[in-house]
N, C-alpha and C. Protein backbone atom coordinates (compact mmCIF):
# COMPACT_ATOMS: atom_id res chain seq x y z
N MET A 1 10.98 -17.28 13.33
CA MET A 1 10.83 -15.96 12.63
C MET A 1 12.28 -16.71 11.74
N VAL A 2 12.13 -16.95 10.25
CA VAL A 2 12.76 -17.48 9.60
C VAL A 2 13.16 -16.26 8.70
N ASP A 3 14.72 -16.00 8.40
CA ASP A 3 15.18 -14.19 7.88
C ASP A 3 16.78 -14.92 7.00
N GLY A 4 16.31 -14.96 5.72
CA GLY A 4 17.48 -15.44 5.51
C GLY A 4 17.58 -16.80 4.16
N LEU A 5 16.59 -16.70 3.33
CA LEU A 5 16.49 -18.05 2.82
C LEU A 5 17.12 -17.72 1.73
N MET A 6 17.47 -16.41 1.23
CA MET A 6 19.03 -16.55 0.20
C MET A 6 20.18 -17.20 0.89
N GLY A 7 20.72 -17.28 2.18
CA GLY A 7 21.72 -17.43 2.45
C GLY A 7 22.31 -18.82 2.81
N MET A 8 20.70 -20.03 2.75
CA MET A 8 21.10 -20.75 3.51
C MET A 8 22.50 -21.91 2.49
N ALA A 9 22.86 -22.55 3.84
CA ALA A 9 24.41 -22.70 3.32
C ALA A 9 24.22 -24.12 2.35
N ASP A 10 23.27 -24.70 2.35
CA ASP A 10 22.49 -25.92 1.28
C ASP A 10 22.48 -26.00 0.46
N VAL A 11 22.04 -24.78 -0.10
CA VAL A 11 20.92 -24.37 -1.33
C VAL A 11 22.28 -23.10 -2.30
N PRO A 12 22.13 -24.49 -2.48
CA PRO A 12 23.05 -24.02 -4.75
C PRO A 12 22.76 -22.40 -4.98
N ALA A 13 23.56 -21.36 -5.64
CA ALA A 13 22.62 -20.57 -6.20
C ALA A 13 21.74 -20.75 -7.45
N PRO A 14 21.20 -19.50 -7.48
CA PRO A 14 19.59 -19.73 -8.29
C PRO A 14 20.29 -19.90 -9.13
N VAL A 15 19.46 -21.10 -9.95
CA VAL A 15 20.05 -20.98 -11.18
C VAL A 15 18.36 -20.36 -12.40
N LEU A 16 18.60 -19.52 -12.59
CA LEU A 16 17.23 -18.35 -12.87
C LEU A 16 16.86 -18.87 -14.30
N TYR A 17 17.51 -19.75 -15.18
CA TYR A 17 16.61 -19.82 -16.25
C TYR A 17 16.68 -21.36 -16.73
N ASP A 18 17.21 -22.30 -15.79
CA ASP A 18 17.02 -23.52 -15.99
C ASP A 18 15.82 -24.16 -15.72
N GLU A 19 15.09 -25.12 -16.18
CA GLU A 19 14.05 -25.94 -16.75
C GLU A 19 14.23 -27.18 -15.88
N GLY A 20 13.09 -28.06 -15.07
CA GLY A 20 13.58 -29.30 -14.86
C GLY A 20 12.87 -29.58 -12.98
N PRO A 21 13.44 -30.74 -12.64
CA PRO A 21 12.95 -30.45 -11.17
C PRO A 21 13.61 -29.82 -10.01
N ALA A 22 13.32 -29.15 -9.18
CA ALA A 22 13.69 -28.43 -8.18
C ALA A 22 13.06 -28.94 -6.57
N SER A 23 14.30 -28.50 -5.56
CA SER A 23 14.02 -28.52 -4.51
C SER A 23 13.03 -27.58 -3.98
N TYR A 24 12.55 -27.47 -2.89
CA TYR A 24 11.74 -26.11 -2.17
C TYR A 24 12.23 -24.88 -2.14
N GLN A 25 13.53 -25.82 -1.35
CA GLN A 25 14.52 -24.54 -1.17
C GLN A 25 14.72 -23.60 -2.18
N LEU A 26 15.13 -24.57 -3.44
CA LEU A 26 15.69 -24.14 -4.93
C LEU A 26 14.28 -23.07 -5.11
N PHE A 27 13.09 -23.62 -5.28
CA PHE A 27 12.20 -22.82 -5.98
C PHE A 27 11.94 -21.45 -5.21
N GLY A 28 12.09 -21.49 -4.15
CA GLY A 28 11.69 -20.84 -3.10
C GLY A 28 12.70 -19.43 -3.51
N VAL A 29 14.23 -19.50 -3.75
CA VAL A 29 15.57 -18.73 -3.59
C VAL A 29 15.42 -18.34 -5.27
N ASN A 30 14.37 -19.15 -6.05
CA ASN A 30 14.44 -18.90 -7.48
C ASN A 30 12.77 -17.96 -7.66
N TRP A 31 12.33 -17.98 -6.98
CA TRP A 31 11.08 -17.65 -7.01
C TRP A 31 11.13 -16.02 -6.08
N VAL A 32 12.21 -15.62 -5.20
CA VAL A 32 12.23 -14.25 -4.71
C VAL A 32 13.10 -13.58 -5.59
N HIS A 33 14.32 -13.92 -6.21
CA HIS A 33 15.00 -13.47 -7.11
C HIS A 33 14.31 -12.90 -8.27
N ARG A 34 13.55 -13.75 -9.00
CA ARG A 34 12.59 -13.49 -10.48
C ARG A 34 11.48 -12.58 -10.15
N VAL A 35 10.45 -13.12 -8.90
CA VAL A 35 9.86 -12.14 -8.80
C VAL A 35 9.74 -10.50 -8.00
N LEU A 36 10.88 -10.40 -7.32
CA LEU A 36 11.78 -9.03 -6.83
C LEU A 36 13.06 -8.91 -7.66
N HIS A 37 12.95 -9.12 -8.86
CA HIS A 37 13.83 -8.64 -9.94
C HIS A 37 13.86 -6.61 -9.60
N LEU A 38 15.65 -6.43 -10.57
CA LEU A 38 15.33 -5.24 -10.13
C LEU A 38 14.53 -4.13 -10.90
N ASP A 39 14.69 -4.61 -11.83
CA ASP A 39 13.92 -3.51 -12.75
C ASP A 39 12.30 -3.30 -12.34
N ARG A 40 11.36 -4.49 -11.18
CA ARG A 40 10.67 -4.52 -10.88
C ARG A 40 10.38 -3.65 -9.65
N ILE A 41 11.48 -3.62 -8.95
CA ILE A 41 11.62 -3.10 -7.88
C ILE A 41 11.98 -1.77 -7.60
N LEU A 42 13.09 -1.51 -8.98
CA LEU A 42 12.86 0.20 -9.37
C LEU A 42 11.61 0.43 -9.33
N ALA A 43 10.83 0.25 -10.29
CA ALA A 43 9.55 0.22 -10.94
C ALA A 43 8.71 0.93 -9.75
N THR A 44 8.86 -0.01 -8.73
CA THR A 44 7.92 0.15 -7.58
C THR A 44 7.94 1.20 -6.28
N VAL A 45 9.85 1.37 -6.48
CA VAL A 45 10.33 2.67 -6.12
C VAL A 45 9.43 4.04 -6.47
N ASP A 46 9.42 3.92 -7.72
CA ASP A 46 9.10 5.13 -8.54
C ASP A 46 7.83 5.21 -8.18
N GLN A 47 6.99 4.49 -8.20
CA GLN A 47 5.49 4.09 -8.43
C GLN A 47 5.15 5.19 -6.63
N VAL A 48 5.81 4.40 -5.65
CA VAL A 48 5.50 4.55 -4.45
C VAL A 48 6.14 5.82 -3.70
N LEU A 49 7.10 6.53 -4.31
CA LEU A 49 7.73 7.79 -4.01
C LEU A 49 6.72 8.79 -4.79
N GLY A 50 6.33 8.78 -6.18
CA GLY A 50 5.67 9.74 -7.02
C GLY A 50 6.30 10.56 -7.48
N ASP A 51 5.96 11.53 -7.64
CA ASP A 51 6.45 12.61 -8.65
C ASP A 51 7.33 13.38 -8.11
N GLN A 52 6.85 13.96 -6.20
CA GLN A 52 7.15 15.48 -6.14
C GLN A 52 6.93 15.13 -4.72
N LEU A 53 8.16 15.69 -3.96
CA LEU A 53 7.60 15.89 -2.43
C LEU A 53 7.96 17.28 -1.95
N ALA A 54 7.31 17.34 -1.03
CA ALA A 54 7.55 18.78 -0.13
C ALA A 54 7.72 18.66 1.13
N LEU A 55 8.19 19.59 1.93
CA LEU A 55 8.36 19.49 3.43
C LEU A 55 8.35 20.92 4.23
N GLY A 56 7.65 21.16 4.97
CA GLY A 56 8.55 22.70 5.29
C GLY A 56 7.80 23.29 5.54
N PRO A 57 8.10 24.88 5.42
CA PRO A 57 9.04 25.07 6.30
C PRO A 57 8.66 25.04 7.78
N ILE A 58 10.74 24.49 8.10
CA ILE A 58 10.57 24.15 9.86
C ILE A 58 11.53 24.88 10.12
N GLY A 59 12.11 24.90 11.50
CA GLY A 59 13.06 26.36 11.68
C GLY A 59 14.77 25.12 11.59
N ALA A 60 15.54 26.35 11.36
CA ALA A 60 16.87 25.56 11.09
C ALA A 60 18.14 26.19 11.94
N GLY A 61 19.37 26.60 11.92
CA GLY A 61 20.08 27.44 12.53
C GLY A 61 20.20 27.07 14.16
N PRO A 62 20.58 27.80 14.84
CA PRO A 62 21.12 27.97 16.31
C PRO A 62 19.61 27.67 17.11
N GLY A 63 19.25 26.88 17.45
CA GLY A 63 18.33 26.65 18.05
C GLY A 63 17.17 26.40 17.78
N ARG A 64 17.29 26.15 16.11
CA ARG A 64 16.35 25.89 14.92
C ARG A 64 15.18 27.35 14.66
N ALA A 65 16.09 28.19 15.36
CA ALA A 65 15.33 29.53 15.53
C ALA A 65 15.48 30.94 14.66
N PHE A 66 16.69 30.86 14.41
CA PHE A 66 17.27 31.30 12.91
C PHE A 66 16.94 31.41 11.84
N ALA A 67 16.13 30.97 10.86
CA ALA A 67 15.76 30.87 10.16
C ALA A 67 14.87 30.13 9.65
N SER A 68 14.38 29.64 8.76
CA SER A 68 13.23 28.33 8.64
C SER A 68 13.36 27.94 7.12
N ILE A 69 13.83 26.29 6.48
CA ILE A 69 13.78 26.46 4.90
C ILE A 69 12.39 25.49 4.57
N SER A 70 12.30 25.23 3.31
CA SER A 70 11.44 24.47 3.00
C SER A 70 12.13 23.66 1.80
N PHE A 71 11.53 22.32 1.38
CA PHE A 71 12.21 21.61 0.77
C PHE A 71 10.65 21.19 -0.69
N VAL A 72 11.06 21.42 -1.88
CA VAL A 72 10.34 20.84 -2.92
C VAL A 72 11.36 20.25 -4.14
N GLY A 73 10.89 18.35 -3.60
CA GLY A 73 12.09 18.19 -4.64
C GLY A 73 10.96 17.63 -5.81
N THR A 74 11.44 17.18 -6.53
CA THR A 74 10.89 16.13 -7.57
C THR A 74 12.06 15.09 -7.90
N PHE A 75 11.48 13.69 -8.46
CA PHE A 75 11.97 13.08 -8.35
C PHE A 75 12.18 12.87 -9.68
N HIS A 76 13.52 12.14 -9.85
CA HIS A 76 13.23 11.07 -11.75
C HIS A 76 13.65 9.97 -11.47
N PRO A 77 13.69 8.71 -12.20
CA PRO A 77 13.78 7.23 -12.44
C PRO A 77 14.52 7.18 -11.61
N THR A 78 14.79 6.15 -10.68
CA THR A 78 15.93 5.54 -10.18
C THR A 78 16.54 4.61 -10.96
N THR A 79 17.59 3.92 -10.34
CA THR A 79 18.65 3.43 -11.29
C THR A 79 19.71 2.77 -9.78
N GLY A 80 19.97 1.07 -10.56
CA GLY A 80 20.23 0.34 -9.30
C GLY A 80 21.29 -0.29 -9.96
N HIS A 81 21.44 -1.04 -8.98
CA HIS A 81 22.07 -2.57 -9.51
C HIS A 81 22.17 -3.33 -7.93
N GLN A 82 22.17 -5.22 -8.38
CA GLN A 82 22.10 -5.77 -7.53
C GLN A 82 23.24 -6.25 -6.45
N ILE A 83 23.66 -6.22 -5.26
CA ILE A 83 25.32 -6.16 -4.63
C ILE A 83 25.09 -7.27 -4.52
N PRO A 84 26.06 -7.95 -4.63
CA PRO A 84 26.53 -9.65 -4.01
C PRO A 84 26.45 -9.39 -2.64
N ALA A 85 25.51 -10.27 -2.07
CA ALA A 85 25.19 -10.41 0.02
C ALA A 85 24.61 -11.63 -0.02
N GLU A 86 24.72 -12.03 1.33
CA GLU A 86 23.83 -13.06 1.38
C GLU A 86 22.42 -13.23 1.52
N LEU A 87 21.96 -12.25 1.17
CA LEU A 87 20.52 -11.74 1.74
C LEU A 87 20.49 -10.66 -0.47
N LEU A 88 19.29 -11.14 -0.84
CA LEU A 88 18.86 -10.17 -1.90
C LEU A 88 19.58 -9.15 -1.76
N THR A 89 20.14 -7.94 -2.31
CA THR A 89 20.32 -7.03 -2.01
C THR A 89 20.47 -5.94 -3.28
N TYR A 90 19.98 -4.81 -3.33
CA TYR A 90 20.17 -3.84 -4.31
C TYR A 90 20.76 -2.69 -3.89
N ALA A 91 21.56 -1.60 -4.38
CA ALA A 91 21.86 -0.43 -4.08
C ALA A 91 21.07 -0.40 -5.56
N ILE A 92 20.43 1.88 -4.91
CA ILE A 92 19.35 1.71 -5.98
C ILE A 92 19.82 3.69 -5.38
N ASN A 93 19.93 4.52 -6.39
CA ASN A 93 20.48 5.42 -6.76
C ASN A 93 19.18 6.65 -7.11
N LEU A 94 18.83 7.45 -5.66
CA LEU A 94 17.27 7.91 -6.02
C LEU A 94 17.90 9.60 -6.24
N PRO A 95 17.77 9.69 -7.74
CA PRO A 95 17.75 11.69 -8.00
C PRO A 95 16.67 12.47 -7.59
N ILE A 96 17.25 13.61 -7.43
CA ILE A 96 16.09 14.60 -7.12
C ILE A 96 16.41 16.01 -7.36
N SER A 97 15.69 16.46 -8.06
CA SER A 97 15.97 18.11 -8.53
C SER A 97 14.99 18.82 -7.15
N VAL A 98 15.84 19.69 -6.48
CA VAL A 98 15.15 20.54 -5.61
C VAL A 98 15.52 21.86 -5.29
N VAL A 99 15.05 22.26 -5.25
CA VAL A 99 14.37 23.71 -4.90
C VAL A 99 14.38 23.86 -3.27
N PHE A 100 15.40 24.73 -3.04
CA PHE A 100 15.38 24.82 -1.68
C PHE A 100 15.92 26.43 -1.00
N ASP A 101 14.59 26.40 -0.57
CA ASP A 101 14.51 28.14 0.12
C ASP A 101 14.90 28.01 1.65
N LEU A 102 15.40 29.89 1.69
CA LEU A 102 15.98 29.52 3.54
C LEU A 102 15.54 31.24 3.63
N ASP A 103 14.10 31.08 4.31
CA ASP A 103 13.51 32.57 5.20
C ASP A 103 14.81 32.97 6.39
N LEU A 104 15.69 34.18 5.90
CA LEU A 104 16.26 34.60 6.88
C LEU A 104 15.30 35.64 7.44
N PRO A 105 16.05 36.40 8.79
CA PRO A 105 15.42 37.16 9.54
C PRO A 105 15.20 38.75 8.48
N MET A 106 15.68 38.81 7.79
CA MET A 106 15.65 39.80 6.52
C MET A 106 15.90 39.30 5.26
N ASP A 107 16.11 38.49 4.62
CA ASP A 107 15.81 37.80 3.70
C ASP A 107 15.47 36.13 3.42
N ARG A 108 15.43 36.04 1.94
CA ARG A 108 15.18 35.23 1.52
C ARG A 108 15.44 34.17 0.52
N LEU A 109 16.11 33.51 0.21
CA LEU A 109 17.05 32.84 -0.49
C LEU A 109 16.24 31.52 -1.06
N THR A 110 16.71 31.34 -2.81
CA THR A 110 16.48 30.21 -2.88
C THR A 110 17.89 29.52 -3.81
N PHE A 111 18.12 28.33 -3.20
CA PHE A 111 19.25 27.45 -3.96
C PHE A 111 18.22 26.61 -4.81
N ASN A 112 18.77 25.87 -6.15
CA ASN A 112 18.26 25.11 -6.80
C ASN A 112 19.56 24.26 -6.80
N GLY A 113 19.42 22.23 -6.75
CA GLY A 113 20.07 21.20 -6.48
C GLY A 113 20.15 20.37 -7.13
N GLU A 114 20.46 19.41 -7.60
CA GLU A 114 20.55 18.01 -7.89
C GLU A 114 21.42 17.48 -7.09
N VAL A 115 20.45 16.43 -6.00
CA VAL A 115 20.74 15.26 -5.16
C VAL A 115 20.71 13.89 -6.14
N ILE A 116 21.70 12.97 -5.55
CA ILE A 116 21.04 11.63 -5.61
C ILE A 116 21.87 10.82 -4.40
N ILE A 117 20.62 10.57 -3.98
CA ILE A 117 20.33 9.46 -2.43
C ILE A 117 20.65 8.07 -2.82
N PRO A 118 21.81 7.70 -2.25
CA PRO A 118 22.11 5.98 -2.57
C PRO A 118 21.55 5.31 -0.95
N LEU A 119 20.44 4.41 -1.78
CA LEU A 119 19.46 3.88 -0.83
C LEU A 119 20.12 2.13 -1.06
N VAL A 120 19.93 1.60 0.11
CA VAL A 120 20.19 0.26 0.28
C VAL A 120 19.29 -0.80 0.32
N MET A 121 18.66 -1.80 -0.39
CA MET A 121 17.59 -2.56 -0.46
C MET A 121 17.81 -3.58 -0.04
N VAL A 122 17.30 -4.50 1.40
CA VAL A 122 17.78 -6.28 1.67
C VAL A 122 16.19 -6.49 1.69
N VAL A 123 16.26 -7.75 1.19
CA VAL A 123 15.11 -8.99 0.70
C VAL A 123 15.15 -9.41 2.23
N HIS A 124 13.72 -9.08 2.71
CA HIS A 124 14.05 -10.48 3.88
C HIS A 124 13.04 -11.61 3.76
N THR A 125 13.06 -12.82 4.31
CA THR A 125 11.86 -13.70 4.16
C THR A 125 11.42 -13.69 5.43
N GLU A 126 10.38 -13.70 5.50
CA GLU A 126 10.08 -14.28 7.33
C GLU A 126 8.68 -15.03 7.16
N GLU A 127 8.65 -16.10 8.47
CA GLU A 127 7.33 -16.53 8.22
C GLU A 127 6.09 -16.21 8.52
N PRO A 128 5.31 -16.71 8.21
CA PRO A 128 5.20 -17.89 7.42
C PRO A 128 5.23 -17.53 6.34
N LEU A 129 4.69 -16.86 5.08
CA LEU A 129 5.07 -16.50 3.90
C LEU A 129 4.75 -14.58 3.56
N ARG A 130 5.74 -14.19 4.13
CA ARG A 130 6.10 -12.74 3.84
C ARG A 130 7.59 -12.10 3.73
N LEU A 131 7.61 -11.59 2.96
CA LEU A 131 8.91 -10.29 2.56
C LEU A 131 8.28 -9.45 2.69
N ARG A 132 9.89 -8.79 3.77
CA ARG A 132 10.07 -7.51 4.73
C ARG A 132 11.09 -6.95 3.69
N LEU A 133 10.42 -5.64 2.66
CA LEU A 133 11.91 -4.66 2.39
C LEU A 133 12.32 -4.27 3.18
N GLU A 134 13.92 -4.34 3.13
CA GLU A 134 14.14 -2.78 4.59
C GLU A 134 14.95 -2.54 3.53
N ILE A 135 14.95 -0.71 4.17
CA ILE A 135 15.23 0.33 3.21
C ILE A 135 16.53 0.90 3.78
N ARG A 136 18.06 0.69 3.89
CA ARG A 136 18.75 1.47 4.80
C ARG A 136 19.12 2.63 3.95
N THR A 137 18.98 4.01 4.66
CA THR A 137 19.63 5.20 4.21
C THR A 137 20.49 5.72 3.98
N PRO A 138 21.31 6.64 3.84
CA PRO A 138 22.91 6.97 4.29
C PRO A 138 23.03 7.79 4.83
N THR A 139 24.84 8.02 5.22
CA THR A 139 24.83 9.14 5.65
C THR A 139 24.73 10.21 5.05
N GLU A 140 25.27 11.58 5.82
CA GLU A 140 25.11 12.78 5.14
C GLU A 140 26.13 12.74 4.14
N GLU A 141 27.43 12.19 4.59
CA GLU A 141 28.63 12.19 3.42
C GLU A 141 28.24 11.47 2.36
N GLN A 142 27.25 10.34 2.06
CA GLN A 142 27.08 9.75 1.24
C GLN A 142 26.32 9.99 0.17
N ILE A 143 25.25 11.18 0.76
CA ILE A 143 24.60 11.85 -0.60
C ILE A 143 24.83 13.17 -1.13
N GLN A 144 25.18 12.91 -2.81
CA GLN A 144 25.74 13.76 -3.70
C GLN A 144 24.99 15.16 -4.04
N LEU A 145 25.75 16.15 -3.38
CA LEU A 145 24.94 17.13 -4.32
C LEU A 145 25.73 18.40 -5.20
N GLN A 146 24.96 18.47 -5.90
CA GLN A 146 24.93 20.35 -6.51
C GLN A 146 24.12 21.04 -6.05
N LEU A 147 24.72 22.13 -5.67
CA LEU A 147 23.92 23.10 -5.65
C LEU A 147 24.60 24.81 -5.82
N HIS A 148 23.50 25.26 -6.65
CA HIS A 148 23.77 26.73 -6.76
C HIS A 148 22.87 27.52 -6.43
N THR A 149 22.93 29.11 -6.54
CA THR A 149 22.20 30.40 -6.83
C THR A 149 22.66 31.15 -7.24
N ASP A 150 21.62 32.28 -7.84
CA ASP A 150 21.83 32.69 -8.89
C ASP A 150 22.68 34.59 -7.84
N THR A 151 22.41 34.58 -6.83
CA THR A 151 22.67 35.48 -6.08
C THR A 151 24.23 35.40 -5.62
N ARG A 152 24.35 37.07 -5.34
CA ARG A 152 25.98 36.72 -4.64
C ARG A 152 26.10 36.00 -3.16
N ARG A 153 25.09 37.14 -2.32
CA ARG A 153 24.32 36.94 -1.03
C ARG A 153 23.97 35.52 -0.93
N GLY A 154 23.49 34.51 -1.87
CA GLY A 154 23.44 33.04 -1.69
C GLY A 154 24.37 32.65 -1.54
N THR A 155 25.78 32.67 -2.54
CA THR A 155 26.54 32.30 -2.48
C THR A 155 27.49 32.47 -1.32
N VAL A 156 27.65 33.62 -0.70
CA VAL A 156 28.43 33.69 0.63
C VAL A 156 27.63 33.44 1.31
N ILE A 157 26.20 33.25 1.84
CA ILE A 157 25.93 32.19 3.16
C ILE A 157 25.83 31.08 2.74
N ARG A 158 26.27 30.57 1.86
CA ARG A 158 25.91 29.16 1.56
C ARG A 158 27.45 28.40 2.19
N LYS A 159 28.25 29.25 2.44
CA LYS A 159 29.95 29.16 2.93
C LYS A 159 29.70 29.27 3.70
N VAL A 160 29.41 30.50 3.88
CA VAL A 160 29.30 30.82 6.18
C VAL A 160 28.45 30.06 6.37
N ALA A 161 27.00 29.83 6.19
CA ALA A 161 26.25 29.18 6.61
C ALA A 161 26.12 27.22 7.08
N GLY A 162 27.30 27.62 6.10
CA GLY A 162 27.19 25.41 5.63
C GLY A 162 26.10 24.64 4.89
N ILE A 163 25.43 25.84 4.25
CA ILE A 163 24.37 25.05 3.16
C ILE A 163 23.96 24.10 2.91
N ASP A 164 25.29 23.69 2.59
CA ASP A 164 25.60 21.94 1.72
C ASP A 164 25.34 21.13 2.91
N GLY A 165 25.71 21.25 3.86
CA GLY A 165 25.24 20.42 4.86
C GLY A 165 24.34 20.07 5.61
N GLU A 166 23.24 21.45 5.64
CA GLU A 166 22.50 21.54 6.03
C GLU A 166 21.08 20.99 5.57
N LEU A 167 21.32 21.33 4.45
CA LEU A 167 20.49 20.91 2.83
C LEU A 167 20.63 19.11 2.89
N ARG A 168 21.93 18.63 3.79
CA ARG A 168 21.66 17.11 3.04
C ARG A 168 21.04 16.89 4.43
N ARG A 169 21.14 17.38 5.34
CA ARG A 169 20.23 16.93 6.58
C ARG A 169 18.98 17.06 6.17
N PHE A 170 18.54 18.25 5.89
CA PHE A 170 17.13 18.59 5.16
C PHE A 170 16.70 17.14 4.46
N VAL A 171 17.53 16.71 3.45
CA VAL A 171 17.05 15.52 2.52
C VAL A 171 16.67 14.77 3.11
N LEU A 172 18.27 14.51 4.26
CA LEU A 172 17.59 12.83 4.92
C LEU A 172 16.66 13.03 5.85
N LYS A 173 15.92 14.18 6.64
CA LYS A 173 14.38 14.43 7.13
C LYS A 173 13.80 14.15 6.16
N VAL A 174 13.44 14.45 5.03
CA VAL A 174 12.75 14.49 3.90
C VAL A 174 12.27 12.57 3.72
N ILE A 175 13.60 11.92 3.07
CA ILE A 175 13.42 10.75 3.32
C ILE A 175 12.41 9.78 3.96
N ASP A 176 12.98 9.83 5.49
CA ASP A 176 13.17 9.37 6.16
C ASP A 176 10.72 9.52 6.80
N THR A 177 10.95 10.60 6.64
CA THR A 177 9.27 10.92 6.62
C THR A 177 8.87 10.30 5.37
N GLU A 178 9.15 10.37 4.44
CA GLU A 178 8.38 9.66 3.34
C GLU A 178 8.49 8.52 3.68
N LEU A 179 9.38 7.24 3.82
CA LEU A 179 9.59 6.12 3.93
C LEU A 179 9.33 6.21 4.92
N ASN A 180 8.73 6.47 6.37
CA ASN A 180 7.98 6.04 7.49
C ASN A 180 6.10 6.32 7.32
N LYS A 181 5.79 6.90 6.30
CA LYS A 181 4.96 6.66 5.36
C LYS A 181 3.60 5.33 5.18
N PRO A 182 2.51 5.52 6.22
CA PRO A 182 2.03 3.96 6.21
C PRO A 182 2.21 3.29 4.64
N TYR A 183 1.62 3.68 3.91
CA TYR A 183 1.55 3.27 2.25
C TYR A 183 2.92 2.90 2.21
N VAL A 184 4.02 3.62 2.60
CA VAL A 184 5.47 2.79 1.95
C VAL A 184 5.93 1.93 3.18
N GLN A 185 5.26 1.76 4.35
CA GLN A 185 5.41 0.65 5.07
C GLN A 185 4.74 -0.66 4.73
N LYS A 186 3.68 -0.20 4.30
CA LYS A 186 2.51 -1.19 3.57
C LYS A 186 3.49 -2.12 2.29
N ALA A 187 4.13 -1.09 1.69
CA ALA A 187 4.66 -1.70 0.70
C ALA A 187 6.04 -2.20 0.45
N MET A 188 6.49 -2.04 1.52
CA MET A 188 7.26 -2.89 2.08
C MET A 188 7.71 -4.67 3.11
N ASN A 189 6.34 -4.42 3.36
CA ASN A 189 5.79 -5.30 4.43
C ASN A 189 4.66 -6.48 3.45
N LEU A 190 5.61 -7.63 2.91
CA LEU A 190 4.18 -7.76 1.55
C LEU A 190 3.75 -9.61 2.70
N ASP A 191 2.58 -9.80 2.72
CA ASP A 191 1.81 -11.37 3.09
C ASP A 191 1.48 -11.22 1.73
N MET A 192 2.85 -12.12 1.27
CA MET A 192 2.21 -12.84 0.17
C MET A 192 1.44 -14.05 0.19
N GLU A 193 0.79 -14.66 1.25
CA GLU A 193 -0.56 -16.01 1.49
C GLU A 193 -1.06 -14.92 1.11
N GLU A 194 -1.27 -13.79 1.73
CA GLU A 194 -2.53 -12.74 1.59
C GLU A 194 -3.13 -12.18 0.27
N LEU A 195 -1.74 -12.01 -0.51
CA LEU A 195 -1.98 -11.17 -2.18
C LEU A 195 -2.29 -12.36 -2.57
N ILE A 196 -2.04 -13.65 -2.40
CA ILE A 196 -2.07 -14.87 -3.45
C ILE A 196 -3.23 -15.13 -3.27
N ALA A 197 -3.81 -14.66 -2.30
CA ALA A 197 -5.70 -15.55 -1.81
C ALA A 197 -6.16 -14.02 -2.49
N GLU A 198 -6.15 -13.17 -2.72
CA GLU A 198 -6.64 -11.83 -2.91
C GLU A 198 -6.94 -12.79 -4.47
N ALA A 199 -5.43 -12.89 -5.58
CA ALA A 199 -5.34 -12.48 -6.47
C ALA A 199 -5.56 -13.98 -7.37
N TRP A 200 -6.09 -15.32 -6.19
CA TRP A 200 -6.32 -16.58 -6.72
C TRP A 200 -6.99 -16.52 -7.62
N PRO A 201 -8.65 -15.88 -7.33
CA PRO A 201 -9.59 -15.66 -8.55
C PRO A 201 -9.07 -15.68 -10.32
N ALA A 202 -8.33 -14.10 -10.06
CA ALA A 202 -8.31 -13.94 -11.28
C ALA A 202 -6.82 -15.11 -12.00
N LEU A 203 -6.27 -15.73 -11.03
CA LEU A 203 -4.97 -16.42 -11.93
C LEU A 203 -6.32 -18.07 -12.15
N THR A 204 -7.39 -18.22 -11.12
CA THR A 204 -7.99 -19.63 -11.84
C THR A 204 -8.53 -18.96 -12.87
N GLN A 205 -8.63 -17.68 -13.62
CA GLN A 205 -9.65 -17.91 -14.78
C GLN A 205 -8.95 -18.08 -15.68
N GLN A 206 -7.19 -18.57 -15.29
CA GLN A 206 -6.11 -18.50 -16.84
C GLN A 206 -5.97 -20.31 -17.05
N PHE A 207 -6.96 -21.34 -16.51
CA PHE A 207 -6.87 -22.70 -16.27
C PHE A 207 -8.43 -23.16 -16.15
N LEU A 208 -9.59 -22.73 -15.61
CA LEU A 208 -10.56 -22.88 -15.58
C LEU A 208 -11.86 -23.29 -16.86
N PRO A 209 -12.46 -24.40 -16.93
CA PRO A 209 -12.92 -24.13 -18.22
C PRO A 209 -13.55 -22.78 -17.70
N ARG A 210 -14.59 -22.81 -19.18
CA ARG A 210 -15.63 -21.11 -19.32
C ARG A 210 -16.57 -21.47 -19.81
N GLY A 211 -16.71 -23.41 -19.52
CA GLY A 211 -18.18 -23.35 -20.51
C GLY A 211 -18.49 -24.59 -20.78
N PRO A 212 -18.93 -25.40 -20.92
CA PRO A 212 -19.61 -26.78 -20.87
C PRO A 212 -18.69 -27.50 -22.35
N GLU A 213 -18.56 -26.65 -23.45
CA GLU A 213 -17.46 -26.96 -24.89
C GLU A 213 -16.27 -26.94 -24.10
N ASP A 214 -15.45 -26.54 -23.09
CA ASP A 214 -14.45 -26.47 -22.82
C ASP A 214 -13.83 -27.48 -21.99
N ARG A 215 -15.44 -28.47 -21.29
CA ARG A 215 -14.89 -29.41 -20.11
C ARG A 215 -15.10 -31.15 -21.32
N ARG A 216 -15.26 -30.46 -22.47
CA ARG A 216 -15.73 -31.77 -23.33
C ARG A 216 -14.68 -32.38 -23.79
N SER A 217 -14.18 -33.63 -24.09
CA SER A 217 -12.52 -34.24 -24.63
C SER A 217 -13.34 -34.51 -25.76
N GLY A 218 -11.18 -34.11 -26.61
CA GLY A 218 -11.43 -34.48 -28.01
C GLY A 218 -11.42 -33.15 -28.56
């Protein structure tokens, strides 16, 4: 397996807007950078994740039996930027508006919040012609969270029970669940030979003659 087309020491940095002859190695570097450019990556993340996700109820608290929590999140458009690295790497910020329900033995509390999940996506190249997109999830401390509740009891329990930390852990569980879904895994493991073979008939329509008149010279 070969991993690291972008980081080969004897390949110069990609010249994305130059023209003229290029080595196979430089062609590969430029191809990966231009096909998997930032805007396309962000749009693909948005399309794969969809508009909304939900998880729960699941147990929470001591022994996971003290309470149950449910989570509904609405995705907003992702943002990001490229990180200088040996491999093509993007920092992606995933913003989610959340409704977080905590069911206690004698009460039910609702918290609303804004969450930003920082992800890192690394593009790996593998033989014979595959792209593997690795998504690295953050630690709990790296998740940005603004949480509020309309009730005084909710404010007290938020502090006493450490709701912010519980929500951060729950968000990570939600993201891990989403990333492990089969269609997401398929989107992160691309067999380019297979994809090009499927697209080839449509591609050839761009240059093959459409009729006898196209074959005439002059």
